[in-house]
Amino acid sequence: MAEIYSAPEEIKEPKIDFSGGFNRKEHLAKEAKYIDDIKAFLAKNGYKGKNMGKVIRFPVADGYAQYMVISMRPLMLMHLPLGDAWTFEYAHLLTEKEVNQKVKQQEALDKLFSGE
């Protein structure tokens, strides 16, 4: 079973601002920087190893619940409050095997849609 943690408050997640029009590409770049900043925060605090910093996603409603792998043993995940900040109600029940499978699936999807 996984322990679920909140993202560090000192790293501010990007907010969608519709006041001056919405630039999707710019917002996605801000989300990518946020993810990189959290991964660097984890590394700075001594976390390393297989899958550390990898993001897994679960479809929920009109978006995704997103989690970053902190550690595989013990299994620790960090909820990423991106988009509508959806959560996956069974995240705490995930096993190491399931997380490994989700990481592989996400990498395959990222490769497929990156055009590589």
Protein backbone atom coordinates (compact mmCIF):
# COMPACT_ATOMS: atom_id res chain seq x y z
CA MET A 1 0.00 0.00 0.00
CA ALA A 2 1.15 3.50 -0.79
CA GLU A 3 1.55 6.49 1.48
CA ILE A 4 0.22 9.65 -0.17
CA TYR A 5 1.78 13.05 0.52
CA SER A 6 0.85 16.60 -0.44
CA ALA A 7 3.14 18.70 -2.61
CA PRO A 8 5.42 21.10 -0.72
CA GLU A 9 3.72 24.43 -0.13
CA GLU A 10 6.90 26.39 -0.87
CA ILE A 11 6.69 25.28 -4.52
CA LYS A 12 3.69 27.10 -5.92
CA GLU A 13 1.66 25.26 -8.54
CA PRO A 14 0.82 27.20 -11.71
CA LYS A 15 -2.64 28.72 -11.71
CA ILE A 16 -4.70 29.15 -14.84
CA ASP A 17 -5.24 32.84 -15.57
CA PHE A 18 -7.97 33.69 -18.05
CA SER A 19 -7.79 37.46 -17.49
CA GLY A 20 -5.55 38.12 -20.50
CA GLY A 21 -6.50 35.16 -22.63
CA PHE A 22 -5.26 31.62 -22.14
CA ASN A 23 -2.06 30.37 -23.72
CA ARG A 24 -2.12 26.56 -23.43
CA LYS A 25 1.48 26.07 -24.54
CA GLU A 26 2.73 28.57 -21.96
CA HIS A 27 0.65 26.97 -19.20
CA LEU A 28 1.93 23.47 -20.04
CA ALA A 29 5.49 24.82 -19.84
CA LYS A 30 4.72 26.20 -16.36
CA GLU A 31 3.33 22.81 -15.31
CA ALA A 32 6.46 21.07 -16.61
CA LYS A 33 8.65 23.49 -14.62
CA TYR A 34 6.55 22.82 -11.51
CA ILE A 35 7.08 19.08 -11.92
CA ASP A 36 10.83 19.61 -12.44
CA ASP A 37 10.97 21.81 -9.32
CA ILE A 38 9.26 19.13 -7.22
CA LYS A 39 11.61 16.45 -8.54
CA ALA A 40 14.59 18.67 -7.63
CA PHE A 41 13.08 19.24 -4.16
CA LEU A 42 12.83 15.47 -3.63
CA ALA A 43 16.41 14.90 -4.84
CA LYS A 44 17.67 17.70 -2.56
CA ASN A 45 15.95 15.96 0.37
CA GLY A 46 17.70 12.66 -0.31
CA TYR A 47 15.15 10.78 -2.38
CA LYS A 48 16.55 8.77 -5.26
CA GLY A 49 16.13 5.40 -6.83
CA LYS A 50 13.93 3.67 -9.31
CA ASN A 51 11.08 5.80 -10.65
CA MET A 52 11.73 8.74 -8.30
CA GLY A 53 10.24 11.82 -9.93
CA LYS A 54 8.14 9.88 -12.44
CA VAL A 55 4.55 11.07 -12.83
CA ILE A 56 1.63 8.68 -13.08
CA ARG A 57 -1.89 9.72 -14.09
CA PHE A 58 -5.36 8.36 -13.57
CA PRO A 59 -8.37 9.56 -15.61
CA VAL A 60 -10.93 11.27 -13.38
CA ALA A 61 -14.00 13.20 -14.54
CA ASP A 62 -12.79 15.70 -17.16
CA GLY A 63 -9.10 15.45 -16.35
CA TYR A 64 -6.49 13.47 -14.49
CA ALA A 65 -5.35 12.77 -10.97
CA GLN A 66 -1.57 13.06 -11.03
CA TYR A 67 0.98 11.65 -8.62
CA MET A 68 4.77 11.75 -8.50
CA VAL A 69 6.72 8.77 -7.25
CA ILE A 70 8.76 9.70 -4.19
CA SER A 71 10.00 6.23 -3.33
CA MET A 72 9.25 2.65 -4.35
CA ARG A 73 10.28 1.05 -1.04
CA PRO A 74 8.46 2.06 0.98
CA LEU A 75 5.95 3.09 -1.68
CA MET A 76 5.37 6.84 -1.36
CA LEU A 77 3.52 9.06 -3.83
CA MET A 78 3.00 12.82 -3.92
CA HIS A 79 -0.30 14.23 -5.15
CA LEU A 80 0.27 16.93 -7.77
CA PRO A 81 -2.46 19.60 -7.54
CA LEU A 82 -2.47 20.39 -11.27
CA GLY A 83 -5.50 21.35 -13.34
CA ASP A 84 -8.56 20.70 -11.20
CA ALA A 85 -6.36 18.85 -8.65
CA TRP A 86 -8.32 15.64 -9.00
CA THR A 87 -7.44 12.75 -6.70
CA PHE A 88 -7.63 9.02 -7.37
CA GLU A 89 -9.66 7.46 -4.56
CA TYR A 90 -7.66 4.22 -4.62
CA ALA A 91 -4.16 5.76 -4.79
CA HIS A 92 -3.39 4.57 -1.26
CA LEU A 93 -4.10 0.97 -2.32
CA LEU A 94 -1.55 0.95 -5.16
CA THR A 95 1.23 -1.62 -5.01
CA GLU A 96 4.81 -1.40 -6.22
CA LYS A 97 3.95 -3.67 -9.16
CA GLU A 98 1.02 -1.45 -10.20
CA VAL A 99 3.11 1.73 -9.95
CA ASN A 100 5.86 0.16 -12.09
CA GLN A 101 3.22 -0.76 -14.67
CA LYS A 102 1.70 2.75 -14.62
CA VAL A 103 5.16 4.32 -15.07
CA LYS A 104 5.81 2.12 -18.13
CA GLN A 105 2.38 2.94 -19.55
CA GLN A 106 2.90 6.66 -19.04
CA GLU A 107 6.34 6.57 -20.66
CA ALA A 108 4.87 4.73 -23.67
CA LEU A 109 2.06 7.30 -23.98
CA ASP A 110 4.48 10.22 -23.63
CA LYS A 111 6.68 8.72 -26.36
CA LEU A 112 3.68 8.08 -28.62
CA PHE A 113 2.40 11.64 -28.36
CA SER A 114 5.80 13.35 -28.47
CA GLY A 115 6.29 12.32 -32.08
CA GLU A 116 9.56 10.46 -31.45
